[in-house]
C-alpha atoms as a PDB file:
ATOM      1  CA  MET A   1     174.024 -34.250 171.797  1.00  0.00           C
ATOM      2  CA  LEU A   2     176.958 -33.731 169.446  1.00  0.00           C
ATOM      3  CA  LYS A   3     176.035 -32.196 166.095  1.00  0.00           C
ATOM      4  CA  LEU A   4     177.926 -33.335 163.026  1.00  0.00           C
ATOM      5  CA  PRO A   5     179.108 -30.705 160.558  1.00  0.00           C
ATOM      6  CA  GLN A   6     177.190 -30.361 157.293  1.00  0.00           C
ATOM      7  CA  ILE A   7     179.226 -30.986 154.172  1.00  0.00           C
ATOM      8  CA  THR A   8     178.368 -30.593 150.516  1.00  0.00           C
ATOM      9  CA  ALA A   9     178.132 -33.437 148.024  1.00  0.00           C
ATOM     10  CA  ILE A  10     181.337 -32.197 146.375  1.00  0.00           C
ATOM     11  CA  GLU A  11     183.198 -32.426 149.697  1.00  0.00           C
ATOM     12  CA  LEU A  12     181.830 -35.929 150.296  1.00  0.00           C
ATOM     13  CA  ILE A  13     182.946 -37.069 146.839  1.00  0.00           C
ATOM     14  CA  LYS A  14     186.484 -35.812 147.548  1.00  0.00           C
ATOM     15  CA  ILE A  15     186.547 -37.658 150.883  1.00  0.00           C
ATOM     16  CA  LEU A  16     185.269 -40.913 149.385  1.00  0.00           C
ATOM     17  CA  LYS A  17     187.824 -40.774 146.547  1.00  0.00           C
ATOM     18  CA  LYS A  18     190.593 -40.145 149.077  1.00  0.00           C
ATOM     19  CA  ILE A  19     189.709 -43.304 151.026  1.00  0.00           C
ATOM     20  CA  GLY A  20     189.547 -45.494 147.913  1.00  0.00           C
ATOM     21  CA  PHE A  21     186.019 -45.285 146.529  1.00  0.00           C
ATOM     22  CA  GLU A  22     185.364 -44.739 142.825  1.00  0.00           C
ATOM     23  CA  ILE A  23     182.191 -43.552 141.121  1.00  0.00           C
ATOM     24  CA  MET A  24     180.378 -46.489 139.522  1.00  0.00           C
ATOM     25  CA  ARG A  25     177.460 -44.572 138.037  1.00  0.00           C
ATOM     26  CA  GLN A  26     174.930 -41.837 138.634  1.00  0.00           C
ATOM     27  CA  GLU A  27     171.173 -42.317 138.298  1.00  0.00           C
ATOM     28  CA  GLY A  28     169.334 -39.046 138.526  1.00  0.00           C
ATOM     29  CA  SER A  29     170.568 -37.308 141.653  1.00  0.00           C
ATOM     30  CA  HIS A  30     171.985 -40.475 143.275  1.00  0.00           C
ATOM     31  CA  VAL A  31     175.707 -41.245 142.991  1.00  0.00           C
ATOM     32  CA  PHE A  32     176.881 -44.866 143.403  1.00  0.00           C
ATOM     33  CA  PHE A  33     180.407 -45.579 144.705  1.00  0.00           C
ATOM     34  CA  ARG A  34     182.404 -48.819 145.109  1.00  0.00           C
ATOM     35  CA  ASN A  35     185.778 -49.530 146.689  1.00  0.00           C
ATOM     36  CA  GLU A  36     188.327 -52.232 145.861  1.00  0.00           C
ATOM     37  CA  TYR A  37     186.761 -54.651 148.378  1.00  0.00           C
ATOM     38  CA  GLY A  38     183.305 -54.427 146.787  1.00  0.00           C
ATOM     39  CA  ARG A  39     181.791 -52.178 149.460  1.00  0.00           C
ATOM     40  CA  THR A  40     179.237 -49.832 147.915  1.00  0.00           C
ATOM     41  CA  THR A  41     177.563 -46.658 149.073  1.00  0.00           C
ATOM     42  CA  VAL A  42     174.948 -44.371 147.545  1.00  0.00           C
ATOM     43  CA  PHE A  43     174.072 -40.789 148.369  1.00  0.00           C
ATOM     44  CA  PRO A  44     171.957 -38.052 146.810  1.00  0.00           C
ATOM     45  CA  LYS A  45     173.723 -35.188 145.059  1.00  0.00           C
ATOM     46  CA  HIS A  46     171.240 -32.358 144.945  1.00  0.00           C
ATOM     47  CA  PRO A  47     172.149 -29.074 143.254  1.00  0.00           C
ATOM     48  CA  GLY A  48     172.907 -26.237 145.666  1.00  0.00           C
ATOM     49  CA  GLY A  49     172.217 -28.323 148.756  1.00  0.00           C
ATOM     50  CA  THR A  50     174.392 -29.340 151.638  1.00  0.00           C
END
């Protein structure tokens, strides 16, 4: 089975911004993103974690 590489929250934010997502808001450790078409995604941003 192919293992995916681990990336940090900072790296993921850079990738999402590059493909057109913008930060809507952050609630606690969860960051909410939306793109121009209304697609949203949420992921946890934990300190020091990958």
